[in-house]
Amino acid sequence: MIVMWLSISLIMAYLVGSIPFAFIYGKVFKKIDIRQHGSGNVGATNVLRVFGTKAGLIVLFLDIFKGFFPVCIMLMLIPLWSISIVGEGGYEWLPVLVGIFAILGHTFSMFLSFKGGKGVATSAGVFLALCPLNFLGAILFFMLVVFLTKYVSLGSILAIIALMISNFMFFDLNIYVKIFTLIMAIFIIYTHRTNIKRLLNGTENKISFKKKEKQ
């Protein structure tokens, strides 16, 4: 029984995560492939850069939702069937695993030949569900860094590091969330390795908050 429920949950999380909202927005509203513009990345930052703030915020919200929704569903379902299926107290790892599959869906989307974005926004949705208070603190830190530097990549890297530190400092968080945060910090830093090189070389693109709706 647990194998069936776990398989369904992970497949659904991956499918939801795989929905390429940045690609869909470009095709539906602008009739272009976002992968051929800007940085070529299928994420909210590139949408903001190519189409403007409004479009970027829409895609950002949807990408966050892709991570938040599957984990929230799992968190709500666990109390209903945890005792009969996985045993009391033996389910803390399930929401984390569901979140991982949602992020993998975004990063390796089945709708884009198993390619996708860097997973920052979808990861944010997962953390919003797993550790909302610490996540909101990390978001405020992210906004401050981006506001001061105009570098989204730098804000993303520093925010996940700040979240990792704060999660390890909160003793009431389960160990699975803490380990997951550490893994995601390493993953996000790795996916931003080219951005880090550009930051060190002074060639990283800065973000501009302005309207760019007409193409």
Protein backbone atom coordinates (compact mmCIF):
# COMPACT_ATOMS: atom_id res chain seq x y z
CA MET A 1 0.00 0.00 0.00
CA ILE A 2 2.74 2.45 0.94
CA VAL A 3 4.56 1.74 -2.33
CA MET A 4 1.43 2.59 -4.34
CA TRP A 5 0.72 5.83 -2.45
CA LEU A 6 4.35 6.88 -2.53
CA SER A 7 4.64 6.18 -6.26
CA ILE A 8 1.49 8.17 -7.04
CA SER A 9 2.63 11.08 -4.85
CA LEU A 10 6.09 11.25 -6.42
CA ILE A 11 4.79 10.95 -9.99
CA MET A 12 2.24 13.72 -9.39
CA ALA A 13 4.87 15.95 -7.76
CA TYR A 14 7.21 15.44 -10.72
CA LEU A 15 4.42 16.14 -13.25
CA VAL A 16 3.37 19.34 -11.47
CA GLY A 17 7.00 20.44 -11.23
CA SER A 18 7.52 19.70 -14.92
CA ILE A 19 4.94 22.27 -16.09
CA PRO A 20 7.16 24.89 -17.84
CA PHE A 21 5.26 28.07 -17.05
CA ALA A 22 8.02 30.32 -18.43
CA PHE A 23 7.93 28.46 -21.75
CA ILE A 24 4.12 28.45 -21.81
CA TYR A 25 3.92 32.19 -21.10
CA GLY A 26 6.29 32.99 -23.94
CA LYS A 27 4.47 30.75 -26.41
CA VAL A 28 0.91 31.75 -25.47
CA PHE A 29 1.29 35.49 -24.89
CA LYS A 30 4.36 36.44 -26.94
CA LYS A 31 4.54 33.69 -29.58
CA ILE A 32 8.23 33.13 -28.90
CA ASP A 33 10.40 30.48 -27.28
CA ILE A 34 11.90 31.91 -24.08
CA ARG A 35 14.82 29.48 -24.48
CA GLN A 36 15.98 31.50 -27.49
CA HIS A 37 16.01 34.84 -25.67
CA GLY A 38 17.87 36.40 -22.77
CA SER A 39 19.90 33.84 -20.85
CA GLY A 40 17.95 30.99 -22.45
CA ASN A 41 16.89 29.79 -19.01
CA VAL A 42 13.31 28.57 -18.50
CA GLY A 43 12.67 30.45 -15.29
CA ALA A 44 11.11 33.56 -13.80
CA THR A 45 14.32 35.62 -13.86
CA ASN A 46 14.72 35.25 -17.61
CA VAL A 47 11.02 35.98 -18.14
CA LEU A 48 11.42 39.16 -16.10
CA ARG A 49 14.49 40.11 -18.13
CA VAL A 50 12.84 39.45 -21.52
CA PHE A 51 9.17 40.35 -20.92
CA GLY A 52 9.25 42.68 -17.93
CA THR A 53 8.29 42.74 -14.26
CA LYS A 54 4.62 41.78 -14.58
CA ALA A 55 5.37 38.65 -16.60
CA GLY A 56 8.28 37.76 -14.34
CA LEU A 57 6.14 37.98 -11.20
CA ILE A 58 3.39 35.84 -12.75
CA VAL A 59 5.82 33.08 -13.69
CA LEU A 60 7.59 33.41 -10.33
CA PHE A 61 4.33 32.86 -8.46
CA LEU A 62 3.44 29.84 -10.62
CA ASP A 63 6.89 28.29 -10.24
CA ILE A 64 6.71 28.73 -6.46
CA PHE A 65 3.27 27.15 -6.48
CA LYS A 66 4.69 24.08 -8.26
CA GLY A 67 6.80 23.34 -5.21
CA PHE A 68 4.34 24.50 -2.57
CA PHE A 69 1.23 22.64 -3.74
CA PRO A 70 2.51 19.01 -3.82
CA VAL A 71 4.22 19.34 -0.42
CA CYS A 72 1.14 20.93 1.16
CA ILE A 73 -1.06 18.14 -0.17
CA MET A 74 1.30 15.56 1.34
CA LEU A 75 1.38 17.41 4.67
CA MET A 76 -2.43 17.37 4.75
CA LEU A 77 -2.75 13.73 3.70
CA ILE A 78 -0.19 12.29 6.10
CA PRO A 79 -2.32 12.61 9.26
CA LEU A 80 -5.20 10.83 7.49
CA TRP A 81 -3.33 7.67 6.55
CA SER A 82 0.06 7.72 8.26
CA ILE A 83 -0.79 5.36 11.13
CA SER A 84 -2.34 2.69 8.92
CA ILE A 85 0.18 2.95 6.09
CA VAL A 86 3.60 4.00 7.39
CA GLY A 87 3.18 3.77 11.15
CA GLU A 88 2.87 6.57 13.67
CA GLY A 89 5.81 8.95 13.62
CA GLY A 90 7.42 7.37 10.56
CA TYR A 91 6.42 9.82 7.88
CA GLU A 92 8.56 12.95 8.35
CA TRP A 93 10.61 12.19 5.23
CA LEU A 94 7.63 11.97 2.84
CA PRO A 95 6.99 15.73 2.32
CA VAL A 96 10.71 16.26 1.75
CA LEU A 97 10.84 13.51 -0.88
CA VAL A 98 7.77 14.94 -2.62
CA GLY A 99 9.44 18.35 -2.68
CA ILE A 100 12.58 16.88 -4.22
CA PHE A 101 10.55 15.35 -7.06
CA ALA A 102 8.77 18.65 -7.72
CA ILE A 103 12.14 20.39 -8.01
CA LEU A 104 13.47 17.63 -10.27
CA GLY A 105 10.39 18.12 -12.45
CA HIS A 106 11.21 21.80 -12.89
CA THR A 107 14.91 21.19 -13.51
CA PHE A 108 14.40 18.17 -15.80
CA SER A 109 10.98 18.81 -17.31
CA MET A 110 9.52 15.94 -19.33
CA PHE A 111 7.80 18.56 -21.49
CA LEU A 112 11.12 20.15 -22.51
CA SER A 113 13.16 17.04 -23.35
CA PHE A 114 14.14 16.71 -19.68
CA LYS A 115 15.67 20.18 -19.51
CA GLY A 116 14.43 23.12 -17.47
CA GLY A 117 15.25 25.92 -15.07
CA LYS A 118 17.59 26.09 -12.10
CA GLY A 119 14.91 25.22 -9.56
CA VAL A 120 15.21 28.25 -7.28
CA ALA A 121 11.56 29.34 -7.37
CA THR A 122 10.20 25.80 -7.10
CA SER A 123 12.59 25.14 -4.21
CA ALA A 124 11.25 28.28 -2.58
CA GLY A 125 7.73 26.84 -2.78
CA VAL A 126 8.89 23.62 -1.15
CA PHE A 127 10.57 25.50 1.70
CA LEU A 128 7.53 27.73 2.12
CA ALA A 129 5.54 24.59 2.91
CA LEU A 130 8.20 22.88 5.04
CA CYS A 131 9.58 25.78 7.11
CA PRO A 132 7.51 28.93 6.43
CA LEU A 133 9.00 31.23 9.09
CA ASN A 134 12.62 30.57 8.18
CA PHE A 135 11.74 30.76 4.50
CA LEU A 136 10.13 34.19 4.86
CA GLY A 137 13.28 35.42 6.60
CA ALA A 138 15.37 34.09 3.72
CA ILE A 139 13.06 35.78 1.22
CA LEU A 140 13.46 39.14 2.93
CA PHE A 141 17.23 38.63 2.82
CA PHE A 142 17.00 37.71 -0.88
CA MET A 143 14.98 40.85 -1.65
CA LEU A 144 17.49 43.02 0.22
CA VAL A 145 20.46 41.55 -1.67
CA VAL A 146 18.74 41.91 -5.06
CA PHE A 147 17.60 45.46 -4.25
CA LEU A 148 21.13 46.50 -3.28
CA THR A 149 23.09 44.64 -5.97
CA LYS A 150 20.56 43.96 -8.78
CA TYR A 151 22.01 40.42 -8.99
CA VAL A 152 19.28 37.77 -8.71
CA SER A 153 21.86 34.98 -8.81
CA LEU A 154 23.75 36.42 -5.84
CA GLY A 155 20.49 36.86 -3.93
CA SER A 156 19.50 33.24 -4.63
CA ILE A 157 22.85 31.85 -3.49
CA LEU A 158 23.05 33.92 -0.31
CA ALA A 159 19.39 33.29 0.54
CA ILE A 160 19.70 29.49 0.40
CA ILE A 161 22.83 29.68 2.54
CA ALA A 162 20.98 31.86 5.05
CA LEU A 163 18.05 29.43 5.05
CA MET A 164 20.38 26.49 5.62
CA ILE A 165 21.98 28.19 8.62
CA SER A 166 18.63 29.20 10.14
CA ASN A 167 17.14 25.72 9.62
CA PHE A 168 20.06 24.08 11.42
CA MET A 169 19.65 26.56 14.28
CA PHE A 170 15.96 25.63 14.75
CA PHE A 171 16.05 22.47 16.88
CA ASP A 172 12.33 21.73 16.42
CA LEU A 173 12.74 21.12 12.67
CA ASN A 174 13.10 17.45 11.81
CA ILE A 175 16.45 16.21 10.56
CA TYR A 176 15.09 15.43 7.09
CA VAL A 177 14.28 19.11 6.44
CA LYS A 178 17.76 20.11 7.64
CA ILE A 179 19.52 17.59 5.42
CA PHE A 180 17.29 18.59 2.51
CA THR A 181 18.24 22.25 3.00
CA LEU A 182 21.93 21.35 2.94
CA ILE A 183 21.48 19.31 -0.25
CA MET A 184 19.52 22.12 -1.91
CA ALA A 185 22.15 24.69 -0.95
CA ILE A 186 24.80 22.56 -2.67
CA PHE A 187 22.48 21.94 -5.66
CA ILE A 188 21.59 25.62 -6.15
CA ILE A 189 25.20 26.73 -5.82
CA TYR A 190 26.15 24.07 -8.39
CA THR A 191 23.45 25.14 -10.87
CA HIS A 192 24.66 28.74 -10.48
CA ARG A 193 28.32 27.89 -11.10
CA THR A 194 28.41 29.88 -14.35
CA ASN A 195 26.73 32.81 -12.59
CA ILE A 196 29.38 32.65 -9.86
CA LYS A 197 32.12 32.85 -12.50
CA ARG A 198 30.44 35.88 -14.07
CA LEU A 199 30.01 37.52 -10.66
CA LEU A 200 33.72 37.06 -9.95
CA ASN A 201 34.58 38.42 -13.42
CA GLY A 202 32.14 41.33 -13.10
CA THR A 203 30.17 40.26 -16.17
CA GLU A 204 26.97 38.98 -14.53
CA ASN A 205 23.77 40.57 -15.87
CA LYS A 206 21.93 42.88 -13.52
CA ILE A 207 18.16 42.77 -13.28
CA SER A 208 16.00 45.72 -14.32
CA PHE A 209 12.56 46.24 -12.83
CA LYS A 210 10.63 47.79 -15.66
CA LYS A 211 7.76 47.07 -17.98
CA LYS A 212 8.57 45.29 -21.19
CA GLU A 213 5.24 43.86 -22.26
CA LYS A 214 5.22 44.72 -25.94
CA GLN A 215 7.56 42.78 -28.15
